[in-house]
Amino acid sequence: MPSLPIALACLLLSVLAGTQALAQQSPMLRAASLAPDLAFPAESGQPGALSAPKMALYKPEGAGPFPAVVIQHQCGGLRSATGAWQNMAILDWAKEAVSRGYVALVVDSLGPRGVDSVCQGAKAGVNFPRGVRDALQAAEHLNKQPYVDKAQIHFAGFSWGAMVGVMASGSSWGNALQAGTRFRSVVAFYPGCFDIRPASGPSYPVVQQDIDTPLLVLMGQADTETPPQECTARLEPLKAAGKPVDWHVYPSATHCWDCKNLDRFRKTDFRGTAVEYRYNQEVHRDSAERTFAFFGKAHEGRR
């Protein structure tokens, strides 16, 4: 048994090694480690049996292998703090995915961490880097399921989750967060494409220059919360440089056009802008067609 001085020296060396390892982490990884990892569901079910959204794993009937999609929510999460409002749009997207033969993993980045909203900024360590890490860890979780086609793990994100998806489409985030599995393609619904300015540390752009994952961005021309021109101004040079990016702007659509139970919802966003959501069934349907067509083309190697 080692003497007390030797034991203390070993303990000190262990602490120093841990401190050095932390110092060697990238700023992205450090920021993504401020909140604990999620515990993803091990058992799969059917979304049609649910009346409220939750973090869950859904699959079609049969053994597969099936293509899969990670679905990540807006800044308000899957429900309000009181539970009076439920994010039925996310549950509807999970149902849509399963009806088209996809496994769907709905991620809840807020609820398990006791966070009600990140609409006004990061809270309790739930920031954009943590969101990206959640998405990539969800992809790794799907990669371990025997009924998932490992070559067809896609991502669909909405608003806050869409910004997560845009960042996850770049190689630097995958490398920094030590992602074992990345996405075959990403569809981002009405993301913001501004620079993120954390409370401490340097700012960084949502749209990185190193996008190497096929990315489709769907936006609404009438969106005052995340105006599409902020995205197109950054996506156009990337597309001209041969990056795998594409987009579509719906002329009459607002933010959250797929949120039926938020139709006519009004708020003032984090930039002080007056915002109103309007559900648009036609755009909702068209965006679903574009999303799953894009997933299919990405798997075939076409854009």
C-alpha atoms as a PDB file:
ATOM      1  CA  MET A   1       0.000   0.000   0.000  1.00  0.00           C
ATOM      2  CA  PRO A   2       1.565   3.362  -0.996  1.00  0.00           C
ATOM      3  CA  SER A   3       2.553   5.802   1.732  1.00  0.00           C
ATOM      4  CA  LEU A   4       0.444   8.921   2.256  1.00  0.00           C
ATOM      5  CA  PRO A   5       2.932  11.296   0.504  1.00  0.00           C
ATOM      6  CA  ILE A   6       3.085   9.005  -2.538  1.00  0.00           C
ATOM      7  CA  ALA A   7      -0.711   8.712  -2.648  1.00  0.00           C
ATOM      8  CA  LEU A   8      -1.041  12.495  -2.468  1.00  0.00           C
ATOM      9  CA  ALA A   9       1.511  12.902  -5.248  1.00  0.00           C
ATOM     10  CA  CYS A  10      -0.396  10.452  -7.442  1.00  0.00           C
ATOM     11  CA  LEU A  11      -3.626  12.311  -6.755  1.00  0.00           C
ATOM     12  CA  LEU A  12      -1.971  15.638  -7.634  1.00  0.00           C
ATOM     13  CA  LEU A  13      -0.616  14.223 -10.883  1.00  0.00           C
ATOM     14  CA  SER A  14      -4.066  12.888 -11.766  1.00  0.00           C
ATOM     15  CA  VAL A  15      -5.660  16.300 -11.157  1.00  0.00           C
ATOM     16  CA  LEU A  16      -2.956  18.041 -13.203  1.00  0.00           C
ATOM     17  CA  ALA A  17      -3.440  15.577 -16.047  1.00  0.00           C
ATOM     18  CA  GLY A  18      -7.178  16.238 -16.007  1.00  0.00           C
ATOM     19  CA  THR A  19      -6.611  19.985 -15.968  1.00  0.00           C
ATOM     20  CA  GLN A  20      -4.183  19.765 -18.898  1.00  0.00           C
ATOM     21  CA  ALA A  21      -6.635  17.601 -20.859  1.00  0.00           C
ATOM     22  CA  LEU A  22      -9.373  20.178 -20.274  1.00  0.00           C
ATOM     23  CA  ALA A  23      -7.063  22.984 -21.374  1.00  0.00           C
ATOM     24  CA  GLN A  24      -6.265  21.094 -24.571  1.00  0.00           C
ATOM     25  CA  GLN A  25      -9.963  20.827 -25.493  1.00  0.00           C
ATOM     26  CA  SER A  26     -11.130  23.095 -28.259  1.00  0.00           C
ATOM     27  CA  PRO A  27     -13.275  26.075 -27.219  1.00  0.00           C
ATOM     28  CA  MET A  28     -16.146  24.378 -29.089  1.00  0.00           C
ATOM     29  CA  LEU A  29     -15.832  21.208 -27.010  1.00  0.00           C
ATOM     30  CA  ARG A  30     -15.520  23.138 -23.760  1.00  0.00           C
ATOM     31  CA  ALA A  31     -18.652  25.154 -24.572  1.00  0.00           C
ATOM     32  CA  ALA A  32     -20.463  21.950 -25.549  1.00  0.00           C
ATOM     33  CA  SER A  33     -19.604  20.365 -22.188  1.00  0.00           C
ATOM     34  CA  LEU A  34     -21.264  22.935 -19.900  1.00  0.00           C
ATOM     35  CA  ALA A  35     -24.438  20.838 -19.703  1.00  0.00           C
ATOM     36  CA  PRO A  36     -24.500  17.049 -19.171  1.00  0.00           C
ATOM     37  CA  ASP A  37     -25.040  14.601 -22.009  1.00  0.00           C
ATOM     38  CA  LEU A  38     -28.552  13.421 -22.764  1.00  0.00           C
ATOM     39  CA  ALA A  39     -29.708   9.870 -22.084  1.00  0.00           C
ATOM     40  CA  PHE A  40     -31.317   8.818 -25.355  1.00  0.00           C
ATOM     41  CA  PRO A  41     -34.162   6.289 -25.315  1.00  0.00           C
ATOM     42  CA  ALA A  42     -33.147   2.697 -25.900  1.00  0.00           C
ATOM     43  CA  GLU A  43     -36.591   1.350 -26.795  1.00  0.00           C
ATOM     44  CA  SER A  44     -38.495   2.361 -29.911  1.00  0.00           C
ATOM     45  CA  GLY A  45     -42.206   2.940 -30.282  1.00  0.00           C
ATOM     46  CA  GLN A  46     -44.896   4.308 -32.577  1.00  0.00           C
ATOM     47  CA  PRO A  47     -45.570   8.083 -32.631  1.00  0.00           C
ATOM     48  CA  GLY A  48     -49.230   7.582 -33.490  1.00  0.00           C
ATOM     49  CA  ALA A  49     -49.846   6.328 -29.952  1.00  0.00           C
ATOM     50  CA  LEU A  50     -48.752   9.628 -28.396  1.00  0.00           C
ATOM     51  CA  SER A  51     -50.822  12.746 -27.800  1.00  0.00           C
ATOM     52  CA  ALA A  52     -47.887  14.927 -26.674  1.00  0.00           C
ATOM     53  CA  PRO A  53     -44.282  15.266 -27.844  1.00  0.00           C
ATOM     54  CA  LYS A  54     -41.369  13.881 -25.874  1.00  0.00           C
ATOM     55  CA  MET A  55     -37.802  12.740 -26.469  1.00  0.00           C
ATOM     56  CA  ALA A  56     -38.366   9.361 -28.049  1.00  0.00           C
ATOM     57  CA  LEU A  57     -37.240   6.892 -30.685  1.00  0.00           C
ATOM     58  CA  TYR A  58     -39.810   5.865 -33.274  1.00  0.00           C
ATOM     59  CA  LYS A  59     -39.563   3.301 -36.055  1.00  0.00           C
ATOM     60  CA  PRO A  60     -41.715   1.802 -38.801  1.00  0.00           C
ATOM     61  CA  GLU A  61     -42.985  -1.749 -38.496  1.00  0.00           C
ATOM     62  CA  GLY A  62     -40.453  -4.389 -39.477  1.00  0.00           C
ATOM     63  CA  ALA A  63     -36.804  -5.234 -38.994  1.00  0.00           C
ATOM     64  CA  GLY A  64     -35.281  -2.697 -41.388  1.00  0.00           C
ATOM     65  CA  PRO A  65     -32.699  -1.483 -41.998  1.00  0.00           C
ATOM     66  CA  PHE A  66     -34.462   1.879 -42.345  1.00  0.00           C
ATOM     67  CA  PRO A  67     -33.133   5.350 -43.074  1.00  0.00           C
ATOM     68  CA  ALA A  68     -33.257   7.576 -40.022  1.00  0.00           C
ATOM     69  CA  VAL A  69     -33.629  11.223 -39.075  1.00  0.00           C
ATOM     70  CA  VAL A  70     -32.746  13.178 -35.952  1.00  0.00           C
ATOM     71  CA  ILE A  71     -35.382  15.859 -35.276  1.00  0.00           C
ATOM     72  CA  GLN A  72     -34.403  18.863 -33.160  1.00  0.00           C
ATOM     73  CA  HIS A  73     -36.823  21.458 -31.845  1.00  0.00           C
ATOM     74  CA  GLN A  74     -37.070  25.254 -31.799  1.00  0.00           C
ATOM     75  CA  CYS A  75     -35.809  27.445 -28.952  1.00  0.00           C
ATOM     76  CA  GLY A  76     -38.930  26.772 -26.857  1.00  0.00           C
ATOM     77  CA  GLY A  77     -38.286  23.040 -26.669  1.00  0.00           C
ATOM     78  CA  LEU A  78     -41.008  20.410 -26.673  1.00  0.00           C
ATOM     79  CA  ARG A  79     -43.324  22.038 -24.115  1.00  0.00           C
ATOM     80  CA  SER A  80     -43.798  25.151 -22.018  1.00  0.00           C
ATOM     81  CA  ALA A  81     -42.656  25.217 -18.404  1.00  0.00           C
ATOM     82  CA  THR A  82     -46.241  24.681 -17.198  1.00  0.00           C
ATOM     83  CA  GLY A  83     -47.020  22.076 -19.843  1.00  0.00           C
ATOM     84  CA  ALA A  84     -49.925  24.180 -21.120  1.00  0.00           C
ATOM     85  CA  TRP A  85     -48.330  24.369 -24.573  1.00  0.00           C
ATOM     86  CA  GLN A  86     -47.049  21.266 -26.348  1.00  0.00           C
ATOM     87  CA  ASN A  87     -44.874  21.403 -29.465  1.00  0.00           C
ATOM     88  CA  MET A  88     -47.203  19.336 -31.616  1.00  0.00           C
ATOM     89  CA  ALA A  89     -45.328  20.337 -34.783  1.00  0.00           C
ATOM     90  CA  ILE A  90     -42.345  18.223 -33.739  1.00  0.00           C
ATOM     91  CA  LEU A  91     -44.556  15.228 -33.001  1.00  0.00           C
ATOM     92  CA  ASP A  92     -46.193  15.707 -36.406  1.00  0.00           C
ATOM     93  CA  TRP A  93     -42.764  15.656 -38.084  1.00  0.00           C
ATOM     94  CA  ALA A  94     -41.909  12.418 -36.287  1.00  0.00           C
ATOM     95  CA  LYS A  95     -45.165  10.899 -37.539  1.00  0.00           C
ATOM     96  CA  GLU A  96     -44.388  12.130 -41.051  1.00  0.00           C
ATOM     97  CA  ALA A  97     -40.954  10.549 -40.970  1.00  0.00           C
ATOM     98  CA  VAL A  98     -42.225   7.166 -39.784  1.00  0.00           C
ATOM     99  CA  SER A  99     -45.024   7.200 -42.387  1.00  0.00           C
ATOM    100  CA  ARG A 100     -42.321   7.588 -45.048  1.00  0.00           C
ATOM    101  CA  GLY A 101     -40.305   4.652 -43.734  1.00  0.00           C
ATOM    102  CA  TYR A 102     -37.819   6.518 -41.537  1.00  0.00           C
ATOM    103  CA  VAL A 103     -36.727   5.904 -37.984  1.00  0.00           C
ATOM    104  CA  ALA A 104     -37.164   9.190 -36.081  1.00  0.00           C
ATOM    105  CA  LEU A 105     -35.232  10.214 -32.991  1.00  0.00           C
ATOM    106  CA  VAL A 106     -36.794  13.304 -31.389  1.00  0.00           C
ATOM    107  CA  VAL A 107     -34.204  15.157 -29.309  1.00  0.00           C
ATOM    108  CA  ASP A 108     -35.147  17.234 -26.269  1.00  0.00           C
ATOM    109  CA  SER A 109     -32.189  19.470 -25.439  1.00  0.00           C
ATOM    110  CA  LEU A 110     -34.074  21.443 -22.783  1.00  0.00           C
ATOM    111  CA  GLY A 111     -36.488  19.391 -20.658  1.00  0.00           C
ATOM    112  CA  PRO A 112     -34.063  16.809 -19.220  1.00  0.00           C
ATOM    113  CA  ARG A 113     -31.788  19.675 -18.145  1.00  0.00           C
ATOM    114  CA  GLY A 114     -34.530  21.669 -16.450  1.00  0.00           C
ATOM    115  CA  VAL A 115     -34.426  24.459 -19.039  1.00  0.00           C
ATOM    116  CA  ASP A 116     -37.687  26.051 -20.161  1.00  0.00           C
ATOM    117  CA  SER A 117     -36.437  28.096 -23.132  1.00  0.00           C
ATOM    118  CA  VAL A 118     -33.293  29.349 -24.869  1.00  0.00           C
ATOM    119  CA  CYS A 119     -35.157  31.931 -26.962  1.00  0.00           C
ATOM    120  CA  GLN A 120     -33.403  34.793 -25.200  1.00  0.00           C
ATOM    121  CA  GLY A 121     -30.016  33.072 -25.147  1.00  0.00           C
ATOM    122  CA  ALA A 122     -28.145  30.151 -23.621  1.00  0.00           C
ATOM    123  CA  LYS A 123     -29.281  28.868 -20.245  1.00  0.00           C
ATOM    124  CA  ALA A 124     -27.824  26.334 -17.788  1.00  0.00           C
ATOM    125  CA  GLY A 125     -25.142  25.349 -20.274  1.00  0.00           C
ATOM    126  CA  VAL A 126     -27.607  24.714 -23.100  1.00  0.00           C
ATOM    127  CA  ASN A 127     -25.990  26.730 -25.875  1.00  0.00           C
ATOM    128  CA  PHE A 128     -25.481  26.155 -29.588  1.00  0.00           C
ATOM    129  CA  PRO A 129     -22.320  24.025 -29.166  1.00  0.00           C
ATOM    130  CA  ARG A 130     -24.253  21.819 -26.719  1.00  0.00           C
ATOM    131  CA  GLY A 131     -27.079  21.587 -29.257  1.00  0.00           C
ATOM    132  CA  VAL A 132     -24.650  20.487 -31.972  1.00  0.00           C
ATOM    133  CA  ARG A 133     -23.170  17.889 -29.638  1.00  0.00           C
ATOM    134  CA  ASP A 134     -26.669  16.643 -28.799  1.00  0.00           C
ATOM    135  CA  ALA A 135     -27.398  16.239 -32.514  1.00  0.00           C
ATOM    136  CA  LEU A 136     -24.160  14.390 -33.246  1.00  0.00           C
ATOM    137  CA  GLN A 137     -24.565  12.133 -30.208  1.00  0.00           C
ATOM    138  CA  ALA A 138     -28.111  11.389 -31.382  1.00  0.00           C
ATOM    139  CA  ALA A 139     -26.679  10.344 -34.749  1.00  0.00           C
ATOM    140  CA  GLU A 140     -24.230   8.054 -32.953  1.00  0.00           C
ATOM    141  CA  HIS A 141     -27.119   6.577 -30.949  1.00  0.00           C
ATOM    142  CA  LEU A 142     -29.001   5.824 -34.161  1.00  0.00           C
ATOM    143  CA  ASN A 143     -25.852   4.318 -35.652  1.00  0.00           C
ATOM    144  CA  LYS A 144     -25.901   1.683 -32.894  1.00  0.00           C
ATOM    145  CA  GLN A 145     -29.459   0.521 -33.597  1.00  0.00           C
ATOM    146  CA  PRO A 146     -29.604  -2.727 -35.627  1.00  0.00           C
ATOM    147  CA  TYR A 147     -32.664  -1.586 -37.597  1.00  0.00           C
ATOM    148  CA  VAL A 148     -31.043   1.674 -38.842  1.00  0.00           C
ATOM    149  CA  ASP A 149     -29.274   2.001 -42.199  1.00  0.00           C
ATOM    150  CA  LYS A 150     -25.963   3.483 -41.048  1.00  0.00           C
ATOM    151  CA  ALA A 151     -25.413   5.198 -44.421  1.00  0.00           C
ATOM    152  CA  GLN A 152     -28.708   7.070 -44.168  1.00  0.00           C
ATOM    153  CA  ILE A 153     -28.776   9.063 -40.946  1.00  0.00           C
ATOM    154  CA  HIS A 154     -30.160  12.528 -41.682  1.00  0.00           C
ATOM    155  CA  PHE A 155     -31.104  15.615 -39.678  1.00  0.00           C
ATOM    156  CA  ALA A 156     -34.093  17.969 -39.634  1.00  0.00           C
ATOM    157  CA  GLY A 157     -33.913  21.017 -37.368  1.00  0.00           C
ATOM    158  CA  PHE A 158     -36.304  23.875 -36.735  1.00  0.00           C
ATOM    159  CA  SER A 159     -35.269  27.473 -35.889  1.00  0.00           C
ATOM    160  CA  TRP A 160     -32.824  26.903 -32.971  1.00  0.00           C
ATOM    161  CA  GLY A 161     -32.478  23.291 -34.075  1.00  0.00           C
ATOM    162  CA  ALA A 162     -32.015  24.471 -37.664  1.00  0.00           C
ATOM    163  CA  MET A 163     -29.066  26.607 -36.600  1.00  0.00           C
ATOM    164  CA  VAL A 164     -27.658  23.550 -34.861  1.00  0.00           C
ATOM    165  CA  GLY A 165     -28.045  21.650 -38.137  1.00  0.00           C
ATOM    166  CA  VAL A 166     -26.301  24.310 -40.211  1.00  0.00           C
ATOM    167  CA  MET A 167     -23.348  24.233 -37.819  1.00  0.00           C
ATOM    168  CA  ALA A 168     -23.301  20.420 -37.748  1.00  0.00           C
ATOM    169  CA  SER A 169     -23.003  20.395 -41.557  1.00  0.00           C
ATOM    170  CA  GLY A 170     -19.470  21.820 -41.255  1.00  0.00           C
ATOM    171  CA  SER A 171     -16.436  19.600 -40.694  1.00  0.00           C
ATOM    172  CA  SER A 172     -14.933  21.804 -37.972  1.00  0.00           C
ATOM    173  CA  TRP A 173     -17.796  21.087 -35.556  1.00  0.00           C
ATOM    174  CA  GLY A 174     -17.637  17.353 -36.195  1.00  0.00           C
ATOM    175  CA  ASN A 175     -13.885  17.345 -35.614  1.00  0.00           C
ATOM    176  CA  ALA A 176     -13.982  19.565 -32.533  1.00  0.00           C
ATOM    177  CA  LEU A 177     -16.787  17.599 -30.895  1.00  0.00           C
ATOM    178  CA  GLN A 178     -15.129  14.285 -31.737  1.00  0.00           C
ATOM    179  CA  ALA A 179     -18.170  13.022 -33.606  1.00  0.00           C
ATOM    180  CA  GLY A 180     -18.035   9.338 -34.419  1.00  0.00           C
ATOM    181  CA  THR A 181     -21.072   9.656 -36.698  1.00  0.00           C
ATOM    182  CA  ARG A 182     -22.054  12.620 -38.853  1.00  0.00           C
ATOM    183  CA  PHE A 183     -25.153  13.182 -40.958  1.00  0.00           C
ATOM    184  CA  ARG A 184     -25.690  12.102 -44.546  1.00  0.00           C
ATOM    185  CA  SER A 185     -27.645  15.309 -45.103  1.00  0.00           C
ATOM    186  CA  VAL A 186     -29.195  18.199 -43.165  1.00  0.00           C
ATOM    187  CA  VAL A 187     -32.419  20.133 -43.694  1.00  0.00           C
ATOM    188  CA  ALA A 188     -32.692  23.391 -41.756  1.00  0.00           C
ATOM    189  CA  PHE A 189     -36.105  25.038 -41.364  1.00  0.00           C
ATOM    190  CA  TYR A 190     -36.065  28.832 -40.917  1.00  0.00           C
ATOM    191  CA  PRO A 191     -32.666  29.153 -39.189  1.00  0.00           C
ATOM    192  CA  GLY A 192     -30.965  32.356 -38.154  1.00  0.00           C
ATOM    193  CA  CYS A 193     -27.697  32.895 -40.014  1.00  0.00           C
ATOM    194  CA  PHE A 194     -26.214  35.620 -37.814  1.00  0.00           C
ATOM    195  CA  ASP A 195     -23.073  35.433 -35.680  1.00  0.00           C
ATOM    196  CA  ILE A 196     -23.437  33.888 -32.223  1.00  0.00           C
ATOM    197  CA  ARG A 197     -22.125  36.162 -29.485  1.00  0.00           C
ATOM    198  CA  PRO A 198     -21.711  34.168 -26.247  1.00  0.00           C
ATOM    199  CA  ALA A 199     -21.474  35.852 -22.866  1.00  0.00           C
ATOM    200  CA  SER A 200     -17.771  35.003 -22.783  1.00  0.00           C
ATOM    201  CA  GLY A 201     -15.368  34.148 -25.566  1.00  0.00           C
ATOM    202  CA  PRO A 202     -15.277  35.190 -29.208  1.00  0.00           C
ATOM    203  CA  SER A 203     -18.286  35.259 -31.517  1.00  0.00           C
ATOM    204  CA  TYR A 204     -18.643  32.690 -34.287  1.00  0.00           C
ATOM    205  CA  PRO A 205     -20.848  32.337 -37.374  1.00  0.00           C
ATOM    206  CA  VAL A 206     -23.701  29.889 -37.735  1.00  0.00           C
ATOM    207  CA  VAL A 207     -22.756  29.396 -41.399  1.00  0.00           C
ATOM    208  CA  GLN A 208     -19.201  28.063 -41.519  1.00  0.00           C
ATOM    209  CA  GLN A 209     -17.004  28.013 -44.605  1.00  0.00           C
ATOM    210  CA  ASP A 210     -16.220  24.279 -44.313  1.00  0.00           C
ATOM    211  CA  ILE A 211     -19.680  22.822 -45.010  1.00  0.00           C
ATOM    212  CA  ASP A 212     -19.180  19.340 -46.439  1.00  0.00           C
ATOM    213  CA  THR A 213     -22.563  17.755 -45.673  1.00  0.00           C
ATOM    214  CA  PRO A 214     -25.419  18.302 -48.162  1.00  0.00           C
ATOM    215  CA  LEU A 215     -27.467  21.123 -46.651  1.00  0.00           C
ATOM    216  CA  LEU A 216     -30.931  22.363 -47.630  1.00  0.00           C
ATOM    217  CA  VAL A 217     -32.193  25.554 -45.975  1.00  0.00           C
ATOM    218  CA  LEU A 218     -35.934  26.286 -46.120  1.00  0.00           C
ATOM    219  CA  MET A 219     -37.020  29.841 -45.304  1.00  0.00           C
ATOM    220  CA  GLY A 220     -40.015  32.183 -45.423  1.00  0.00           C
ATOM    221  CA  GLN A 221     -39.889  35.573 -47.100  1.00  0.00           C
ATOM    222  CA  ALA A 222     -42.287  37.005 -44.480  1.00  0.00           C
ATOM    223  CA  ASP A 223     -40.121  35.776 -41.577  1.00  0.00           C
ATOM    224  CA  THR A 224     -39.159  38.750 -39.391  1.00  0.00           C
ATOM    225  CA  GLU A 225     -37.507  36.631 -36.685  1.00  0.00           C
ATOM    226  CA  THR A 226     -34.866  35.019 -38.889  1.00  0.00           C
ATOM    227  CA  PRO A 227     -34.973  36.978 -42.182  1.00  0.00           C
ATOM    228  CA  PRO A 228     -33.988  34.780 -45.138  1.00  0.00           C
ATOM    229  CA  GLN A 229     -31.680  37.382 -46.678  1.00  0.00           C
ATOM    230  CA  GLU A 230     -29.288  36.892 -43.756  1.00  0.00           C
ATOM    231  CA  CYS A 231     -28.891  33.269 -44.851  1.00  0.00           C
ATOM    232  CA  THR A 232     -28.861  33.686 -48.620  1.00  0.00           C
ATOM    233  CA  ALA A 233     -26.128  36.326 -48.380  1.00  0.00           C
ATOM    234  CA  ARG A 234     -23.899  33.740 -46.692  1.00  0.00           C
ATOM    235  CA  LEU A 235     -25.011  30.673 -48.632  1.00  0.00           C
ATOM    236  CA  GLU A 236     -24.619  32.130 -52.132  1.00  0.00           C
ATOM    237  CA  PRO A 237     -20.785  32.417 -51.987  1.00  0.00           C
ATOM    238  CA  LEU A 238     -20.558  28.884 -50.625  1.00  0.00           C
ATOM    239  CA  LYS A 239     -22.694  27.472 -53.416  1.00  0.00           C
ATOM    240  CA  ALA A 240     -20.631  29.403 -55.976  1.00  0.00           C
ATOM    241  CA  ALA A 241     -17.516  27.800 -54.452  1.00  0.00           C
ATOM    242  CA  GLY A 242     -18.984  24.331 -54.963  1.00  0.00           C
ATOM    243  CA  LYS A 243     -20.128  23.605 -51.407  1.00  0.00           C
ATOM    244  CA  PRO A 244     -23.116  21.202 -51.141  1.00  0.00           C
ATOM    245  CA  VAL A 245     -25.655  23.863 -50.128  1.00  0.00           C
ATOM    246  CA  ASP A 246     -29.085  24.704 -51.500  1.00  0.00           C
ATOM    247  CA  TRP A 247     -32.102  26.655 -50.295  1.00  0.00           C
ATOM    248  CA  HIS A 248     -35.672  27.620 -51.029  1.00  0.00           C
ATOM    249  CA  VAL A 249     -37.586  30.721 -49.918  1.00  0.00           C
ATOM    250  CA  TYR A 250     -41.383  30.539 -49.653  1.00  0.00           C
ATOM    251  CA  PRO A 251     -42.804  33.945 -50.681  1.00  0.00           C
ATOM    252  CA  SER A 252     -45.646  34.159 -48.137  1.00  0.00           C
ATOM    253  CA  ALA A 253     -44.327  32.082 -45.242  1.00  0.00           C
ATOM    254  CA  THR A 254     -43.521  33.369 -41.762  1.00  0.00           C
ATOM    255  CA  HIS A 255     -41.339  31.821 -39.105  1.00  0.00           C
ATOM    256  CA  CYS A 256     -42.741  28.520 -37.815  1.00  0.00           C
ATOM    257  CA  TRP A 257     -45.057  27.965 -40.801  1.00  0.00           C
ATOM    258  CA  ASP A 258     -45.461  24.332 -39.723  1.00  0.00           C
ATOM    259  CA  CYS A 259     -46.602  25.175 -36.158  1.00  0.00           C
ATOM    260  CA  LYS A 260     -50.351  24.727 -36.375  1.00  0.00           C
ATOM    261  CA  ASN A 261     -50.960  25.249 -32.664  1.00  0.00           C
ATOM    262  CA  LEU A 262     -48.974  28.525 -32.773  1.00  0.00           C
ATOM    263  CA  ASP A 263     -51.009  30.081 -35.586  1.00  0.00           C
ATOM    264  CA  ARG A 264     -51.303  33.873 -34.966  1.00  0.00           C
ATOM    265  CA  PHE A 265     -48.850  33.681 -32.051  1.00  0.00           C
ATOM    266  CA  ARG A 266     -47.106  37.025 -31.460  1.00  0.00           C
ATOM    267  CA  LYS A 267     -43.978  37.922 -29.532  1.00  0.00           C
ATOM    268  CA  THR A 268     -40.963  40.227 -29.445  1.00  0.00           C
ATOM    269  CA  ASP A 269     -37.829  38.271 -30.257  1.00  0.00           C
ATOM    270  CA  PHE A 270     -34.349  38.556 -28.726  1.00  0.00           C
ATOM    271  CA  ARG A 271     -33.438  41.344 -31.149  1.00  0.00           C
ATOM    272  CA  GLY A 272     -36.516  43.356 -30.206  1.00  0.00           C
ATOM    273  CA  THR A 273     -38.357  42.576 -33.451  1.00  0.00           C
ATOM    274  CA  ALA A 274     -42.120  42.097 -33.532  1.00  0.00           C
ATOM    275  CA  VAL A 275     -42.889  38.589 -34.760  1.00  0.00           C
ATOM    276  CA  GLU A 276     -46.090  36.814 -35.772  1.00  0.00           C
ATOM    277  CA  TYR A 277     -46.363  33.151 -36.769  1.00  0.00           C
ATOM    278  CA  ARG A 278     -48.885  31.973 -39.328  1.00  0.00           C
ATOM    279  CA  TYR A 279     -49.496  28.329 -40.038  1.00  0.00           C
ATOM    280  CA  ASN A 280     -49.420  27.585 -43.771  1.00  0.00           C
ATOM    281  CA  GLN A 281     -50.683  24.135 -44.725  1.00  0.00           C
ATOM    282  CA  GLU A 282     -49.546  24.370 -48.353  1.00  0.00           C
ATOM    283  CA  VAL A 283     -46.018  25.373 -47.379  1.00  0.00           C
ATOM    284  CA  HIS A 284     -45.986  22.733 -44.647  1.00  0.00           C
ATOM    285  CA  ARG A 285     -46.801  20.012 -47.178  1.00  0.00           C
ATOM    286  CA  ASP A 286     -44.336  21.303 -49.758  1.00  0.00           C
ATOM    287  CA  SER A 287     -41.546  21.550 -47.184  1.00  0.00           C
ATOM    288  CA  ALA A 288     -42.136  17.914 -46.230  1.00  0.00           C
ATOM    289  CA  GLU A 289     -41.867  16.854 -49.877  1.00  0.00           C
ATOM    290  CA  ARG A 290     -38.666  18.838 -50.336  1.00  0.00           C
ATOM    291  CA  THR A 291     -37.173  17.461 -47.123  1.00  0.00           C
ATOM    292  CA  PHE A 292     -37.604  13.778 -47.861  1.00  0.00           C
ATOM    293  CA  ALA A 293     -36.716  14.220 -51.536  1.00  0.00           C
ATOM    294  CA  PHE A 294     -33.479  15.884 -50.400  1.00  0.00           C
ATOM    295  CA  PHE A 295     -32.706  13.041 -48.019  1.00  0.00           C
ATOM    296  CA  GLY A 296     -33.213  10.579 -50.863  1.00  0.00           C
ATOM    297  CA  LYS A 297     -31.046  12.490 -53.315  1.00  0.00           C
ATOM    298  CA  ALA A 298     -28.282  12.902 -50.760  1.00  0.00           C
ATOM    299  CA  HIS A 299     -28.203   9.146 -50.278  1.00  0.00           C
ATOM    300  CA  GLU A 300     -27.999   8.644 -54.038  1.00  0.00           C
ATOM    301  CA  GLY A 301     -25.094  11.074 -54.200  1.00  0.00           C
ATOM    302  CA  ARG A 302     -27.019  13.776 -56.090  1.00  0.00           C
ATOM    303  CA  ARG A 303     -28.006  17.309 -55.117  1.00  0.00           C
END
